Protein backbone atom coordinates (compact mmCIF):
# COMPACT_ATOMS: atom_id res chain seq x y z
CA MET A 1 -0.04 -0.01 0.05
CA SER A 2 1.53 3.49 -1.09
CA PHE A 3 0.87 6.52 1.17
CA ARG A 4 0.38 9.86 -0.10
CA THR A 5 1.69 11.59 3.03
CA ALA A 6 1.07 15.32 3.46
CA VAL A 7 0.88 18.11 5.66
CA LEU A 8 -2.42 19.93 6.24
CA GLU A 9 -2.58 23.30 8.10
CA GLY A 10 -5.59 25.21 9.14
CA ARG A 11 -8.30 25.98 11.77
CA ILE A 12 -11.19 23.51 12.79
CA LYS A 13 -14.39 24.89 11.21
CA GLN A 14 -16.97 22.43 12.89
CA PHE A 15 -17.02 18.74 14.06
CA VAL A 16 -18.99 16.36 12.19
CA LYS A 17 -20.36 12.94 13.00
CA SER A 18 -18.29 10.11 11.97
CA GLU A 19 -19.83 6.73 10.85
CA SER A 20 -17.29 4.68 12.63
CA GLY A 21 -17.68 6.97 15.84
CA ASN A 22 -14.04 8.19 15.78
CA LEU A 23 -12.85 11.95 15.46
CA ALA A 24 -13.84 13.71 12.54
CA PHE A 25 -14.18 17.35 11.52
CA MET A 26 -14.17 19.77 8.82
CA LEU A 27 -10.66 22.00 8.70
CA GLU A 28 -10.38 25.21 6.76
CA ASP A 29 -6.73 25.53 5.50
CA ASN A 30 -4.78 28.93 4.90
CA GLN A 31 -6.28 29.19 1.26
CA GLY A 32 -9.99 28.83 2.59
CA ASN A 33 -10.51 25.25 1.30
CA VAL A 34 -12.26 23.00 3.46
CA HIS A 35 -10.99 19.38 3.99
CA TYR A 36 -12.95 16.37 5.76
CA CYS A 37 -10.27 15.18 8.38
CA PHE A 38 -10.70 12.09 10.52
CA SER A 39 -8.84 9.64 12.72
CA ALA A 40 -9.26 5.86 12.59
CA GLY A 41 -7.90 5.20 16.07
CA LYS A 42 -7.40 7.58 19.04
CA LYS A 43 -9.80 10.49 19.69
CA PRO A 44 -7.76 13.51 20.88
CA ILE A 45 -9.43 16.25 22.63
CA LEU A 46 -9.79 19.22 20.48
CA ASN A 47 -11.83 22.48 20.47
CA SER A 48 -13.62 24.27 17.78
CA SER A 49 -11.38 26.97 16.25
CA ASP A 50 -8.28 25.21 17.20
CA ASN A 51 -5.14 25.90 14.72
CA LEU A 52 -3.76 22.69 13.69
CA VAL A 53 -1.04 21.23 11.68
CA LEU A 54 -1.93 17.67 10.54
CA ILE A 55 0.30 15.10 9.16
CA GLY A 56 -1.51 12.16 7.60
CA SER A 57 -2.67 10.90 3.90
CA TYR A 58 -5.29 11.59 1.58
CA ILE A 59 -7.71 8.76 1.15
CA SER A 60 -9.84 10.31 -1.72
CA GLY A 61 -10.79 13.74 -2.78
CA ASN A 62 -10.45 15.92 0.21
CA LYS A 63 -10.62 13.17 2.88
CA PHE A 64 -7.81 13.30 4.96
CA ARG A 65 -6.76 10.57 7.43
CA ILE A 66 -4.96 12.09 10.22
CA SER A 67 -1.66 10.32 11.66
CA PHE A 68 -0.24 13.08 13.61
CA ILE A 69 -1.54 16.33 15.16
CA LEU A 70 0.26 19.31 16.25
CA ASN A 71 -2.15 21.74 17.98
CA LYS A 72 -0.65 25.43 17.66
CA THR A 73 -3.20 26.75 19.76
CA LYS A 74 -2.59 24.41 22.92
CA ASN A 75 0.91 23.97 21.88
CA THR A 76 0.66 20.12 22.07
CA GLU A 77 1.58 17.04 19.82
CA GLU A 78 -0.11 13.87 19.46
CA ASN A 79 0.72 10.76 17.47
CA LEU A 80 -2.50 8.90 16.26
CA ILE A 81 -0.58 6.01 14.49
CA ASP A 82 -2.15 2.55 15.26
CA THR A 83 0.74 0.33 16.73
CA LYS A 84 -1.30 -2.66 17.60
CA PHE A 85 0.10 -4.48 14.63
CA ASP A 86 3.58 -4.61 16.47
CA TRP A 87 2.40 -6.66 19.15
CA MET A 88 0.15 -8.84 17.26
CA TYR A 89 2.96 -9.53 14.75
CA LYS A 90 4.97 -10.71 17.78
CA VAL A 91 2.16 -12.93 19.34
CA SER A 92 1.25 -14.55 16.15
CA LEU A 93 5.00 -15.09 15.09
CA GLY A 94 5.66 -16.67 18.41
CA LEU A 95 2.33 -18.91 18.25
CA ALA A 96 3.36 -19.96 14.68
CA ILE A 97 7.07 -20.92 15.59
CA LEU A 98 5.56 -22.74 18.67
CA VAL A 99 2.88 -24.82 17.02
CA THR A 100 5.02 -25.72 14.21
CA SER A 101 7.97 -26.79 16.27
CA GLY A 102 5.49 -29.06 18.35
CA PHE A 103 4.10 -30.31 15.14
CA VAL A 104 7.46 -31.25 13.75
CA LEU A 105 8.58 -32.88 16.95
CA TYR A 106 5.18 -34.69 17.02
CA LEU A 107 6.01 -36.08 13.42
CA ILE A 108 9.51 -37.09 14.45
CA PHE A 109 8.36 -38.90 17.56
CA TYR A 110 5.54 -40.69 15.80
CA LEU A 111 7.51 -41.92 12.78
CA THR A 112 10.20 -42.86 15.12
CA PHE A 113 7.94 -44.93 17.34
CA ILE A 114 5.00 -46.10 14.93
CA PRO A 115 2.46 -47.86 17.27
CA VAL A 116 1.33 -51.38 15.81
CA ASP A 117 -2.22 -52.40 16.08
CA PRO A 118 -2.91 -56.17 17.42
CA TYR A 119 -3.07 -57.61 13.88
CA GLY A 120 0.49 -56.19 13.14
CA SER A 121 -0.80 -53.70 10.41
CA TYR A 122 0.38 -50.29 10.09
CA VAL A 123 -2.63 -49.10 8.31
CA PHE A 124 -4.47 -47.94 11.51
CA SER A 125 -1.38 -45.78 12.58
CA PHE A 126 -1.01 -44.27 9.39
CA ILE A 127 -4.57 -43.20 9.46
CA THR A 128 -4.22 -41.73 12.91
CA LEU A 129 -1.26 -39.82 11.61
CA ILE A 130 -2.84 -38.34 8.45
CA ILE A 131 -5.88 -37.36 10.86
CA SER A 132 -3.46 -35.65 13.14
CA ILE A 133 -1.75 -33.79 10.39
CA THR A 134 -5.19 -32.60 9.06
CA TYR A 135 -6.13 -31.25 12.24
CA LEU A 136 -2.73 -29.47 13.04
CA VAL A 137 -1.81 -28.31 9.68
CA VAL A 138 -4.88 -26.02 9.32
CA PRO A 139 -4.10 -23.86 12.55
CA ILE A 140 -0.33 -23.74 11.40
CA ILE A 141 -1.30 -22.33 8.07
CA ILE A 142 -3.62 -19.89 9.64
CA LEU A 143 -1.01 -18.58 12.28
CA TRP A 144 1.64 -18.13 9.53
CA VAL A 145 -0.68 -16.34 7.25
CA LEU A 146 -1.77 -13.98 9.96
CA THR A 147 1.86 -13.42 10.64
CA VAL A 148 2.71 -12.23 7.12
CA VAL A 149 -0.42 -9.95 7.20
CA PHE A 150 0.74 -8.37 10.60
CA SER A 151 4.16 -8.00 9.34
CA LYS A 152 3.16 -6.16 6.14
CA SER A 153 0.80 -3.82 8.39
CA ARG A 154 3.68 -3.30 10.74
CA LYS A 155 6.12 -2.44 7.99
CA ASN A 156 3.44 -0.02 6.58
CA SER A 157 3.04 1.73 9.97
CA SER A 158 6.88 1.94 10.49
CA LYS A 159 7.07 3.63 6.88
CA LEU A 160 4.37 5.98 7.88
CA ASP A 161 6.11 6.67 11.09
CA ARG A 162 9.45 7.57 9.20
CA GLU A 163 7.25 9.81 6.78
CA ILE A 164 5.83 11.72 9.55
CA LEU A 165 9.18 12.21 11.45
CA LYS A 166 10.54 13.84 8.04
CA LEU A 167 7.59 16.06 7.56
CA LYS A 168 7.68 17.12 11.13
CA GLU A 169 11.51 18.12 10.89
CA ALA A 170 10.69 19.81 7.66
CA TYR A 171 7.74 21.84 9.22
CA HIS A 172 9.75 22.82 12.15
CA SER A 173 12.71 23.80 10.33
CA LYS A 174 10.53 26.11 8.28
CA ALA A 175 8.90 27.58 11.31
CA PRO A 176 10.78 30.44 12.92
CA SER A 177 11.90 29.60 16.58
CA THR A 178 10.78 31.14 19.76
CA SER A 179 14.36 32.96 19.95
CA THR A 180 14.03 34.16 16.62
CA ARG A 181 10.61 35.67 16.85
CA LYS A 182 11.73 37.53 20.13
CA THR A 183 14.77 38.93 18.46
CA MET A 184 12.71 40.29 15.65
CA ASP A 185 10.21 41.74 18.16
CA THR A 186 13.29 43.32 19.84
CA ILE A 187 14.78 44.78 16.42
CA THR A 188 11.42 46.06 15.02
CA LYS A 189 10.05 47.56 18.55
CA PRO A 190 10.56 51.63 18.53
CA ASN A 191 12.65 53.07 21.03
CA PHE A 192 10.57 56.07 21.25
CA CYS A 193 6.81 56.65 21.34
CA PRO A 194 5.58 57.67 17.92
CA ASN A 195 2.72 59.84 19.59
CA CYS A 196 4.55 61.91 22.19
CA GLY A 197 8.26 61.24 21.43
CA GLY A 198 8.94 60.02 24.81
CA LYS A 199 11.43 57.26 25.57
CA LEU A 200 10.17 53.55 25.78
CA PRO A 201 11.24 50.87 28.25
CA ALA A 202 12.48 47.75 26.18
CA GLU A 203 9.55 45.51 27.00
CA ALA A 204 6.95 48.25 27.30
CA LYS A 205 3.46 47.73 25.55
CA PHE A 206 2.09 51.26 26.44
CA CYS A 207 3.80 54.53 26.55
CA PRO A 208 4.47 55.55 30.11
CA ASN A 209 3.90 59.22 29.33
CA CYS A 210 0.85 59.32 27.10
CA GLY A 211 -0.60 55.80 27.46
CA SER A 212 -0.49 55.11 23.83
CA GLU A 213 -0.81 51.62 22.79
CA PHE A 214 1.64 50.18 20.02
């Protein structure tokens, strides 16, 4: 499965009802376009009009599946990637190895010490062996198929996680740091009041002489 990972920035316009009962809302981006955004797993606490930076993938049209949320209003981050496939893969792999190993040991033991029926025939023993194999092979196949499926889902989650990390780093590198903003504010702040000409303190928001706001 290929991911069209993207960054979407804007403001929550309104929350909508999701068919699956998960988080869903309409987001208005900086160009005025409206996107349907939803989360397939977690339901983070968001408020109307929150300014968000979303990282995820477009499913179809303007439907955007969220994988990561940077809430600029609350200054919080939350990862919504579903990591259940990691432990499910480990459990299914462990069970598949355990059952397969037990099955191989059973075959070795059974073929080494084949029980003989009272009439000296091996027919009954081989029928028993075939029945045992039939009952054991099916769950073994199922376990290995599940292991392969969970392995692919796990790799997809890891790939998406790496893409999100790259986009996060790219976004933060473009956004000015707090120290840069403070430096810019200090440089552009006037030293004298434009209204009365009085000298201004470094952090003043109002003129101490005439009370003008700037």
